[in-house]
Amino acid sequence: MYDPDGDGFGLFSSEEERDKKAAKEIELYLNENDWHENVGQVCVGVVTSAATRVDVKKRPPEKDLDENGCDAEGDYWNPDFNSTCGYKLLPL
């Protein structure tokens, strides 16, 4: 569910819980004379996939890096990084 003036983006464990929260948030937009224009931005849906870490590679021990901070494969390791990875959309 998304509510621009409320909690922003939220995930729920059931459609019933999600829809109950959405109905409650929509009611908050009602005032004595009309609806706030942002009520049209309240929306609900089903998330099917999420960006997930893939191909995680842990930083080699310092003794295995050369003087330039590169490993045996020639990959540079930033001193602030403990690992590298890619990201891919995977089904939930």
N, C-alpha and C. Protein backbone atom coordinates (compact mmCIF):
# COMPACT_ATOMS: atom_id res chain seq x y z
N MET A 1 0.84 -1.17 0.00
CA MET A 1 0.00 0.00 0.00
C MET A 1 0.89 1.23 0.00
N TYR A 2 0.43 2.27 -0.68
CA TYR A 2 1.14 3.54 -0.68
C TYR A 2 0.17 4.65 -0.28
N ASP A 3 0.61 5.50 0.64
CA ASP A 3 -0.15 6.66 1.07
C ASP A 3 0.81 7.84 1.17
N PRO A 4 0.69 8.84 0.27
CA PRO A 4 1.67 9.92 0.23
C PRO A 4 1.73 10.77 1.49
N ASP A 5 0.63 10.89 2.22
CA ASP A 5 0.62 11.74 3.42
C ASP A 5 0.63 10.94 4.71
N GLY A 6 0.56 9.64 4.63
CA GLY A 6 0.53 8.80 5.83
C GLY A 6 1.89 8.17 6.06
N ASP A 7 1.89 6.84 6.08
CA ASP A 7 3.12 6.09 6.34
C ASP A 7 3.98 5.88 5.10
N GLY A 8 3.56 6.41 3.96
CA GLY A 8 4.31 6.16 2.73
C GLY A 8 4.01 4.77 2.22
N PHE A 9 5.06 4.00 1.94
CA PHE A 9 4.93 2.65 1.40
C PHE A 9 4.92 1.64 2.54
N GLY A 10 4.01 0.68 2.49
CA GLY A 10 3.95 -0.33 3.53
C GLY A 10 3.61 -1.70 2.97
N LEU A 11 4.14 -2.73 3.61
CA LEU A 11 3.86 -4.11 3.24
C LEU A 11 2.99 -4.75 4.31
N PHE A 12 2.14 -5.68 3.91
CA PHE A 12 1.21 -6.33 4.84
C PHE A 12 1.23 -7.83 4.60
N SER A 13 0.90 -8.57 5.64
CA SER A 13 0.93 -10.03 5.53
C SER A 13 -0.32 -10.61 4.90
N SER A 14 -1.38 -9.81 4.76
CA SER A 14 -2.59 -10.30 4.10
C SER A 14 -3.28 -9.17 3.35
N GLU A 15 -4.08 -9.56 2.35
CA GLU A 15 -4.85 -8.55 1.61
C GLU A 15 -5.86 -7.88 2.52
N GLU A 16 -6.44 -8.64 3.43
CA GLU A 16 -7.44 -8.09 4.36
C GLU A 16 -6.81 -6.99 5.23
N GLU A 17 -5.65 -7.26 5.78
CA GLU A 17 -4.95 -6.28 6.61
C GLU A 17 -4.60 -5.03 5.79
N ARG A 18 -4.13 -5.25 4.57
CA ARG A 18 -3.77 -4.14 3.68
C ARG A 18 -4.98 -3.27 3.36
N ASP A 19 -6.08 -3.91 2.97
CA ASP A 19 -7.27 -3.16 2.58
C ASP A 19 -7.90 -2.43 3.75
N LYS A 20 -7.84 -3.00 4.94
CA LYS A 20 -8.36 -2.34 6.14
C LYS A 20 -7.56 -1.07 6.42
N LYS A 21 -6.23 -1.17 6.31
CA LYS A 21 -5.37 0.00 6.54
C LYS A 21 -5.63 1.06 5.47
N ALA A 22 -5.79 0.66 4.22
CA ALA A 22 -6.04 1.62 3.14
C ALA A 22 -7.36 2.36 3.37
N ALA A 23 -8.39 1.64 3.76
CA ALA A 23 -9.69 2.27 4.01
C ALA A 23 -9.57 3.29 5.15
N LYS A 24 -8.84 2.93 6.18
CA LYS A 24 -8.64 3.84 7.32
C LYS A 24 -7.89 5.10 6.88
N GLU A 25 -6.85 4.93 6.07
CA GLU A 25 -6.07 6.08 5.60
C GLU A 25 -6.91 6.98 4.69
N ILE A 26 -7.74 6.39 3.84
CA ILE A 26 -8.60 7.19 2.97
C ILE A 26 -9.55 8.04 3.79
N GLU A 27 -10.08 7.49 4.85
CA GLU A 27 -11.00 8.25 5.72
C GLU A 27 -10.32 9.46 6.34
N LEU A 28 -9.02 9.37 6.58
CA LEU A 28 -8.29 10.49 7.16
C LEU A 28 -8.21 11.69 6.22
N TYR A 29 -8.41 11.47 4.93
CA TYR A 29 -8.39 12.57 3.97
C TYR A 29 -9.70 13.35 3.95
N LEU A 30 -10.75 12.82 4.55
CA LEU A 30 -12.05 13.48 4.55
C LEU A 30 -12.05 14.63 5.54
N ASN A 31 -12.50 15.80 5.09
CA ASN A 31 -12.72 16.90 6.02
C ASN A 31 -14.18 17.33 5.89
N GLU A 32 -14.54 18.40 6.49
CA GLU A 32 -15.94 18.80 6.52
C GLU A 32 -16.51 19.14 5.14
N ASN A 33 -15.69 19.64 4.22
CA ASN A 33 -16.21 20.11 2.94
C ASN A 33 -15.87 19.24 1.74
N ASP A 34 -14.69 18.64 1.74
CA ASP A 34 -14.29 17.86 0.57
C ASP A 34 -13.14 16.91 0.92
N TRP A 35 -12.62 16.27 -0.11
CA TRP A 35 -11.49 15.36 0.04
C TRP A 35 -10.20 16.09 -0.32
N HIS A 36 -9.14 15.76 0.36
CA HIS A 36 -7.81 16.29 0.03
C HIS A 36 -7.39 15.72 -1.32
N GLU A 37 -6.71 16.51 -2.13
CA GLU A 37 -6.34 16.06 -3.48
C GLU A 37 -5.44 14.82 -3.48
N ASN A 38 -4.66 14.58 -2.43
CA ASN A 38 -3.75 13.43 -2.39
C ASN A 38 -4.46 12.10 -2.18
N VAL A 39 -5.76 12.13 -1.88
CA VAL A 39 -6.48 10.86 -1.68
C VAL A 39 -6.40 9.98 -2.93
N GLY A 40 -6.31 10.61 -4.09
CA GLY A 40 -6.21 9.85 -5.34
C GLY A 40 -4.89 9.14 -5.52
N GLN A 41 -3.93 9.42 -4.66
CA GLN A 41 -2.64 8.75 -4.75
C GLN A 41 -2.52 7.55 -3.82
N VAL A 42 -3.53 7.32 -2.99
CA VAL A 42 -3.54 6.12 -2.15
C VAL A 42 -3.77 4.93 -3.07
N CYS A 43 -2.91 3.92 -2.99
CA CYS A 43 -3.07 2.76 -3.86
C CYS A 43 -2.60 1.49 -3.14
N VAL A 44 -3.13 0.38 -3.62
CA VAL A 44 -2.75 -0.92 -3.08
C VAL A 44 -2.41 -1.85 -4.25
N GLY A 45 -1.65 -2.88 -3.97
CA GLY A 45 -1.30 -3.83 -5.01
C GLY A 45 -0.61 -5.04 -4.39
N VAL A 46 -0.12 -5.90 -5.25
CA VAL A 46 0.58 -7.11 -4.83
C VAL A 46 2.00 -7.04 -5.37
N VAL A 47 2.98 -7.15 -4.48
CA VAL A 47 4.38 -7.16 -4.88
C VAL A 47 4.74 -8.59 -5.26
N THR A 48 5.26 -8.77 -6.47
CA THR A 48 5.59 -10.11 -6.94
C THR A 48 7.08 -10.41 -6.93
N SER A 49 7.90 -9.35 -6.99
CA SER A 49 9.35 -9.54 -7.06
C SER A 49 10.04 -8.43 -6.28
N ALA A 50 11.29 -8.69 -5.91
CA ALA A 50 12.08 -7.68 -5.21
C ALA A 50 13.53 -7.81 -5.64
N ALA A 51 14.24 -6.68 -5.67
CA ALA A 51 15.67 -6.70 -5.98
C ALA A 51 16.38 -7.46 -4.86
N THR A 52 17.16 -8.45 -5.25
CA THR A 52 17.80 -9.35 -4.31
C THR A 52 19.28 -9.48 -4.64
N ARG A 53 20.12 -9.53 -3.61
CA ARG A 53 21.56 -9.71 -3.83
C ARG A 53 21.83 -11.07 -4.45
N VAL A 54 22.66 -11.08 -5.49
CA VAL A 54 23.08 -12.33 -6.14
C VAL A 54 24.59 -12.27 -6.37
N ASP A 55 25.17 -13.43 -6.57
CA ASP A 55 26.61 -13.53 -6.86
C ASP A 55 27.45 -12.78 -5.83
N VAL A 56 27.15 -13.00 -4.56
CA VAL A 56 27.89 -12.33 -3.48
C VAL A 56 29.30 -12.91 -3.42
N LYS A 57 30.27 -12.01 -3.38
CA LYS A 57 31.68 -12.39 -3.29
C LYS A 57 32.27 -11.68 -2.08
N LYS A 58 32.74 -12.46 -1.10
CA LYS A 58 33.33 -11.87 0.11
C LYS A 58 34.74 -11.36 -0.17
N ARG A 59 35.07 -10.30 0.52
CA ARG A 59 36.39 -9.69 0.39
C ARG A 59 37.46 -10.71 0.81
N PRO A 60 38.48 -10.86 -0.01
CA PRO A 60 39.58 -11.76 0.37
C PRO A 60 40.34 -11.19 1.56
N PRO A 61 41.05 -12.03 2.29
CA PRO A 61 41.90 -11.53 3.37
C PRO A 61 42.94 -10.56 2.80
N GLU A 62 43.33 -9.58 3.60
CA GLU A 62 44.30 -8.57 3.16
C GLU A 62 45.56 -9.19 2.59
N LYS A 63 46.01 -10.31 3.16
CA LYS A 63 47.24 -10.97 2.70
C LYS A 63 47.12 -11.46 1.25
N ASP A 64 45.86 -11.62 0.78
CA ASP A 64 45.64 -12.10 -0.59
C ASP A 64 45.43 -10.97 -1.60
N LEU A 65 45.55 -9.73 -1.13
CA LEU A 65 45.43 -8.58 -2.04
C LEU A 65 46.82 -8.04 -2.34
N ASP A 66 47.02 -7.57 -3.57
CA ASP A 66 48.33 -7.00 -3.91
C ASP A 66 48.43 -5.56 -3.40
N GLU A 67 49.52 -4.90 -3.70
CA GLU A 67 49.78 -3.55 -3.20
C GLU A 67 48.76 -2.53 -3.72
N ASN A 68 48.04 -2.86 -4.79
CA ASN A 68 47.01 -1.97 -5.34
C ASN A 68 45.61 -2.30 -4.84
N GLY A 69 45.52 -3.31 -3.95
CA GLY A 69 44.21 -3.70 -3.42
C GLY A 69 43.45 -4.63 -4.34
N CYS A 70 44.15 -5.32 -5.26
CA CYS A 70 43.50 -6.23 -6.21
C CYS A 70 43.70 -7.68 -5.78
N ASP A 71 42.68 -8.49 -6.06
CA ASP A 71 42.78 -9.92 -5.74
C ASP A 71 43.46 -10.66 -6.88
N ALA A 72 43.54 -11.98 -6.77
CA ALA A 72 44.23 -12.81 -7.76
C ALA A 72 43.58 -12.72 -9.14
N GLU A 73 42.31 -12.37 -9.19
CA GLU A 73 41.60 -12.25 -10.47
C GLU A 73 41.73 -10.84 -11.06
N GLY A 74 42.43 -9.95 -10.34
CA GLY A 74 42.62 -8.59 -10.83
C GLY A 74 41.52 -7.63 -10.45
N ASP A 75 40.57 -8.07 -9.61
CA ASP A 75 39.48 -7.20 -9.17
C ASP A 75 39.94 -6.32 -8.02
N TYR A 76 39.70 -5.01 -8.14
CA TYR A 76 40.06 -4.06 -7.09
C TYR A 76 39.05 -4.14 -5.95
N TRP A 77 39.56 -4.09 -4.71
CA TRP A 77 38.70 -4.11 -3.52
C TRP A 77 38.84 -2.80 -2.76
N ASN A 78 37.80 -1.99 -2.81
CA ASN A 78 37.75 -0.75 -2.04
C ASN A 78 37.92 -1.12 -0.57
N PRO A 79 38.76 -0.41 0.17
CA PRO A 79 39.00 -0.74 1.58
C PRO A 79 37.72 -0.71 2.44
N ASP A 80 36.70 0.01 1.98
CA ASP A 80 35.45 0.11 2.75
C ASP A 80 34.47 -1.02 2.46
N PHE A 81 34.77 -1.89 1.47
CA PHE A 81 33.82 -2.93 1.07
C PHE A 81 34.20 -4.28 1.67
N ASN A 82 33.20 -4.96 2.27
CA ASN A 82 33.41 -6.31 2.80
C ASN A 82 33.00 -7.37 1.81
N SER A 83 32.24 -6.96 0.78
CA SER A 83 31.79 -7.89 -0.24
C SER A 83 31.35 -7.11 -1.47
N THR A 84 31.18 -7.84 -2.57
CA THR A 84 30.59 -7.27 -3.77
C THR A 84 29.45 -8.19 -4.19
N CYS A 85 28.57 -7.67 -5.00
CA CYS A 85 27.46 -8.50 -5.47
C CYS A 85 26.77 -7.81 -6.63
N GLY A 86 25.86 -8.53 -7.23
CA GLY A 86 24.95 -7.98 -8.22
C GLY A 86 23.55 -7.99 -7.63
N TYR A 87 22.61 -7.45 -8.33
CA TYR A 87 21.21 -7.46 -7.90
C TYR A 87 20.35 -7.92 -9.05
N LYS A 88 19.32 -8.67 -8.71
CA LYS A 88 18.42 -9.20 -9.73
C LYS A 88 17.01 -9.25 -9.14
N LEU A 89 16.01 -8.97 -9.97
CA LEU A 89 14.62 -9.12 -9.51
C LEU A 89 14.33 -10.61 -9.38
N LEU A 90 13.95 -11.03 -8.18
CA LEU A 90 13.58 -12.43 -7.95
C LEU A 90 12.17 -12.49 -7.38
N PRO A 91 11.43 -13.54 -7.73
CA PRO A 91 10.07 -13.66 -7.21
C PRO A 91 10.07 -13.82 -5.70
N LEU A 92 9.03 -13.27 -5.07
CA LEU A 92 8.88 -13.42 -3.63
C LEU A 92 8.18 -14.71 -3.30
